[in-house]
């Protein structure tokens, strides 16, 4: 088997992996702004001069047991992920929360890391993390 034939499948796999990675920072700045939704709520991202404004509103969909209303601002890291660090106004046992927001195609993924279980922008057991789909403009 020649070296060329051996490399073709490897190059094809490497190309597919590269296409399936998160958008780099330059592309993310253009791609991220918009509105995204899932069964729990929505995310709105607006480009600002020094980063992005992020608003997330979620609620327990069946009985309304909890709801979350998050508002913050963040910047892109070198991988193209939008990072938002939220610190509560009062340190009364509520969490400092870091959101990492990534975009792949039309799917926005919000990852949530808390220093405690309680965030002051959410009701008991509420959350904003998850996958959201870009809202189609009509």
C-alpha atoms as a PDB file:
ATOM      1  CA  UNK A   1       0.000   0.000   0.000  1.00  0.00           C
ATOM      2  CA  UNK A   2       1.381   3.384  -0.929  1.00  0.00           C
ATOM      3  CA  UNK A   3       1.787   6.185   1.609  1.00  0.00           C
ATOM      4  CA  UNK A   4      -0.659   8.355  -0.340  1.00  0.00           C
ATOM      5  CA  UNK A   5      -3.530   5.843  -0.038  1.00  0.00           C
ATOM      6  CA  UNK A   6      -2.890   5.432   3.649  1.00  0.00           C
ATOM      7  CA  UNK A   7      -3.053   9.192   4.304  1.00  0.00           C
ATOM      8  CA  UNK A   8      -6.296   9.869   2.400  1.00  0.00           C
ATOM      9  CA  UNK A   9      -8.639   8.381   5.063  1.00  0.00           C
ATOM     10  CA  UNK A  10      -6.686  10.106   7.827  1.00  0.00           C
ATOM     11  CA  UNK A  11      -6.936  13.467   6.052  1.00  0.00           C
ATOM     12  CA  UNK A  12     -10.674  12.946   5.519  1.00  0.00           C
ATOM     13  CA  UNK A  13     -11.199  12.222   9.220  1.00  0.00           C
ATOM     14  CA  UNK A  14      -9.074  15.237  10.223  1.00  0.00           C
ATOM     15  CA  UNK A  15     -11.115  17.454   7.888  1.00  0.00           C
ATOM     16  CA  UNK A  16     -14.413  16.227   9.384  1.00  0.00           C
ATOM     17  CA  UNK A  17     -13.123  16.811  12.909  1.00  0.00           C
ATOM     18  CA  UNK A  18     -12.029  20.336  12.000  1.00  0.00           C
ATOM     19  CA  UNK A  19     -15.456  21.105  10.538  1.00  0.00           C
ATOM     20  CA  UNK A  20     -17.169  19.868  13.719  1.00  0.00           C
ATOM     21  CA  UNK A  21     -15.266  22.088  16.176  1.00  0.00           C
ATOM     22  CA  UNK A  22     -16.556  25.258  17.813  1.00  0.00           C
ATOM     23  CA  UNK A  23     -16.219  28.429  15.746  1.00  0.00           C
ATOM     24  CA  UNK A  24     -12.928  30.293  16.335  1.00  0.00           C
ATOM     25  CA  UNK A  25     -13.147  33.698  18.016  1.00  0.00           C
ATOM     26  CA  UNK A  26     -13.212  35.755  14.808  1.00  0.00           C
ATOM     27  CA  UNK A  27     -16.080  33.733  13.340  1.00  0.00           C
ATOM     28  CA  UNK A  28     -17.945  33.505  16.652  1.00  0.00           C
ATOM     29  CA  UNK A  29     -18.153  37.291  16.927  1.00  0.00           C
ATOM     30  CA  UNK A  30     -20.247  37.306  13.756  1.00  0.00           C
ATOM     31  CA  UNK A  31     -22.160  34.070  14.321  1.00  0.00           C
ATOM     32  CA  UNK A  32     -23.202  34.297  17.996  1.00  0.00           C
ATOM     33  CA  UNK A  33     -25.592  37.278  18.055  1.00  0.00           C
ATOM     34  CA  UNK A  34     -29.219  36.208  17.840  1.00  0.00           C
ATOM     35  CA  UNK A  35     -32.046  34.530  19.714  1.00  0.00           C
ATOM     36  CA  UNK A  36     -32.085  30.847  20.636  1.00  0.00           C
ATOM     37  CA  UNK A  37     -34.828  28.705  22.208  1.00  0.00           C
ATOM     38  CA  UNK A  38     -35.509  25.337  23.816  1.00  0.00           C
ATOM     39  CA  UNK A  39     -38.367  23.818  25.824  1.00  0.00           C
ATOM     40  CA  UNK A  40     -37.269  25.704  28.967  1.00  0.00           C
ATOM     41  CA  UNK A  41     -36.795  29.198  27.567  1.00  0.00           C
ATOM     42  CA  UNK A  42     -34.612  31.456  25.470  1.00  0.00           C
ATOM     43  CA  UNK A  43     -31.178  33.066  25.127  1.00  0.00           C
ATOM     44  CA  UNK A  44     -30.574  36.451  23.541  1.00  0.00           C
ATOM     45  CA  UNK A  45     -27.045  37.528  22.565  1.00  0.00           C
ATOM     46  CA  UNK A  46     -26.281  41.059  21.353  1.00  0.00           C
ATOM     47  CA  UNK A  47     -22.862  42.282  20.173  1.00  0.00           C
ATOM     48  CA  UNK A  48     -21.617  45.310  22.109  1.00  0.00           C
ATOM     49  CA  UNK A  49     -18.489  47.461  21.744  1.00  0.00           C
ATOM     50  CA  UNK A  50     -16.511  45.508  24.363  1.00  0.00           C
ATOM     51  CA  UNK A  51     -18.088  42.076  24.161  1.00  0.00           C
ATOM     52  CA  UNK A  52     -21.597  40.682  24.255  1.00  0.00           C
ATOM     53  CA  UNK A  53     -24.756  41.228  26.293  1.00  0.00           C
ATOM     54  CA  UNK A  54     -26.466  37.970  27.272  1.00  0.00           C
ATOM     55  CA  UNK A  55     -30.012  37.510  28.546  1.00  0.00           C
ATOM     56  CA  UNK A  56     -31.374  34.088  29.451  1.00  0.00           C
ATOM     57  CA  UNK A  57     -34.893  33.377  30.642  1.00  0.00           C
ATOM     58  CA  UNK A  58     -35.934  29.836  31.587  1.00  0.00           C
ATOM     59  CA  UNK A  59     -38.784  28.207  33.504  1.00  0.00           C
ATOM     60  CA  UNK A  60     -39.889  24.724  34.502  1.00  0.00           C
ATOM     61  CA  UNK A  61     -42.307  24.006  31.624  1.00  0.00           C
ATOM     62  CA  UNK A  62     -44.960  21.791  33.233  1.00  0.00           C
ATOM     63  CA  UNK A  63     -45.862  23.328  36.588  1.00  0.00           C
ATOM     64  CA  UNK A  64     -43.790  26.493  36.764  1.00  0.00           C
ATOM     65  CA  UNK A  65     -41.911  25.268  39.831  1.00  0.00           C
ATOM     66  CA  UNK A  66     -38.980  27.585  39.139  1.00  0.00           C
ATOM     67  CA  UNK A  67     -37.836  30.304  36.792  1.00  0.00           C
ATOM     68  CA  UNK A  68     -34.525  31.991  36.009  1.00  0.00           C
ATOM     69  CA  UNK A  69     -33.832  35.475  34.676  1.00  0.00           C
ATOM     70  CA  UNK A  70     -30.153  35.990  33.911  1.00  0.00           C
ATOM     71  CA  UNK A  71     -28.545  39.106  32.492  1.00  0.00           C
ATOM     72  CA  UNK A  72     -24.832  39.641  32.057  1.00  0.00           C
ATOM     73  CA  UNK A  73     -22.019  40.462  29.697  1.00  0.00           C
ATOM     74  CA  UNK A  74     -19.018  38.518  28.527  1.00  0.00           C
ATOM     75  CA  UNK A  75     -16.185  38.181  26.071  1.00  0.00           C
ATOM     76  CA  UNK A  76     -14.896  35.519  23.724  1.00  0.00           C
ATOM     77  CA  UNK A  77     -12.031  33.257  24.698  1.00  0.00           C
ATOM     78  CA  UNK A  78      -9.463  32.099  22.136  1.00  0.00           C
ATOM     79  CA  UNK A  79     -11.589  29.082  21.150  1.00  0.00           C
ATOM     80  CA  UNK A  80     -14.586  31.240  20.251  1.00  0.00           C
ATOM     81  CA  UNK A  81     -16.566  30.414  23.406  1.00  0.00           C
ATOM     82  CA  UNK A  82     -18.433  33.282  25.044  1.00  0.00           C
ATOM     83  CA  UNK A  83     -17.548  33.392  28.749  1.00  0.00           C
ATOM     84  CA  UNK A  84     -19.773  35.260  31.201  1.00  0.00           C
ATOM     85  CA  UNK A  85     -18.882  35.484  34.899  1.00  0.00           C
ATOM     86  CA  UNK A  86     -21.761  36.488  37.169  1.00  0.00           C
ATOM     87  CA  UNK A  87     -21.117  37.633  40.731  1.00  0.00           C
ATOM     88  CA  UNK A  88     -24.130  38.307  42.964  1.00  0.00           C
ATOM     89  CA  UNK A  89     -24.524  41.794  44.420  1.00  0.00           C
ATOM     90  CA  UNK A  90     -24.743  40.381  47.930  1.00  0.00           C
ATOM     91  CA  UNK A  91     -22.545  37.517  49.095  1.00  0.00           C
ATOM     92  CA  UNK A  92     -25.309  35.810  51.082  1.00  0.00           C
ATOM     93  CA  UNK A  93     -24.470  32.231  50.169  1.00  0.00           C
ATOM     94  CA  UNK A  94     -25.473  32.570  46.528  1.00  0.00           C
ATOM     95  CA  UNK A  95     -23.170  31.389  43.801  1.00  0.00           C
ATOM     96  CA  UNK A  96     -20.683  33.035  41.554  1.00  0.00           C
ATOM     97  CA  UNK A  97     -21.683  31.545  38.200  1.00  0.00           C
ATOM     98  CA  UNK A  98     -19.578  31.103  35.082  1.00  0.00           C
ATOM     99  CA  UNK A  99     -21.398  30.485  31.819  1.00  0.00           C
ATOM    100  CA  UNK A 100     -19.537  29.121  28.823  1.00  0.00           C
ATOM    101  CA  UNK A 101     -21.543  29.521  25.630  1.00  0.00           C
ATOM    102  CA  UNK A 102     -20.526  27.747  22.425  1.00  0.00           C
ATOM    103  CA  UNK A 103     -22.102  27.570  18.986  1.00  0.00           C
ATOM    104  CA  UNK A 104     -22.024  24.626  16.578  1.00  0.00           C
ATOM    105  CA  UNK A 105     -24.167  25.162  13.517  1.00  0.00           C
ATOM    106  CA  UNK A 106     -27.530  26.399  14.801  1.00  0.00           C
ATOM    107  CA  UNK A 107     -27.137  24.842  18.258  1.00  0.00           C
ATOM    108  CA  UNK A 108     -26.050  27.057  21.129  1.00  0.00           C
ATOM    109  CA  UNK A 109     -24.781  25.191  24.202  1.00  0.00           C
ATOM    110  CA  UNK A 110     -24.795  26.927  27.571  1.00  0.00           C
ATOM    111  CA  UNK A 111     -22.631  25.304  30.269  1.00  0.00           C
ATOM    112  CA  UNK A 112     -23.097  26.530  33.812  1.00  0.00           C
ATOM    113  CA  UNK A 113     -20.553  26.271  36.648  1.00  0.00           C
ATOM    114  CA  UNK A 114     -21.585  27.436  40.118  1.00  0.00           C
ATOM    115  CA  UNK A 115     -19.613  27.833  43.337  1.00  0.00           C
ATOM    116  CA  UNK A 116     -22.734  26.720  45.279  1.00  0.00           C
ATOM    117  CA  UNK A 117     -26.078  25.194  44.323  1.00  0.00           C
ATOM    118  CA  UNK A 118     -27.976  28.477  44.685  1.00  0.00           C
ATOM    119  CA  UNK A 119     -27.854  31.277  42.100  1.00  0.00           C
ATOM    120  CA  UNK A 120     -29.790  34.443  42.929  1.00  0.00           C
ATOM    121  CA  UNK A 121     -31.162  34.718  39.379  1.00  0.00           C
ATOM    122  CA  UNK A 122     -32.892  31.297  39.608  1.00  0.00           C
ATOM    123  CA  UNK A 123     -35.569  29.750  41.744  1.00  0.00           C
ATOM    124  CA  UNK A 124     -34.920  26.522  43.676  1.00  0.00           C
ATOM    125  CA  UNK A 125     -33.372  23.905  41.355  1.00  0.00           C
ATOM    126  CA  UNK A 126     -33.600  26.254  38.374  1.00  0.00           C
ATOM    127  CA  UNK A 127     -30.991  26.323  35.649  1.00  0.00           C
ATOM    128  CA  UNK A 128     -30.051  28.037  32.404  1.00  0.00           C
ATOM    129  CA  UNK A 129     -27.686  25.388  30.989  1.00  0.00           C
ATOM    130  CA  UNK A 130     -28.602  23.271  27.997  1.00  0.00           C
ATOM    131  CA  UNK A 131     -28.818  23.258  24.221  1.00  0.00           C
ATOM    132  CA  UNK A 132     -30.786  25.966  22.437  1.00  0.00           C
ATOM    133  CA  UNK A 133     -31.689  26.186  18.732  1.00  0.00           C
ATOM    134  CA  UNK A 134     -31.424  29.423  16.776  1.00  0.00           C
ATOM    135  CA  UNK A 135     -34.845  31.046  16.420  1.00  0.00           C
ATOM    136  CA  UNK A 136     -35.861  31.283  12.781  1.00  0.00           C
ATOM    137  CA  UNK A 137     -36.826  34.783  11.662  1.00  0.00           C
ATOM    138  CA  UNK A 138     -40.203  34.954   9.918  1.00  0.00           C
END
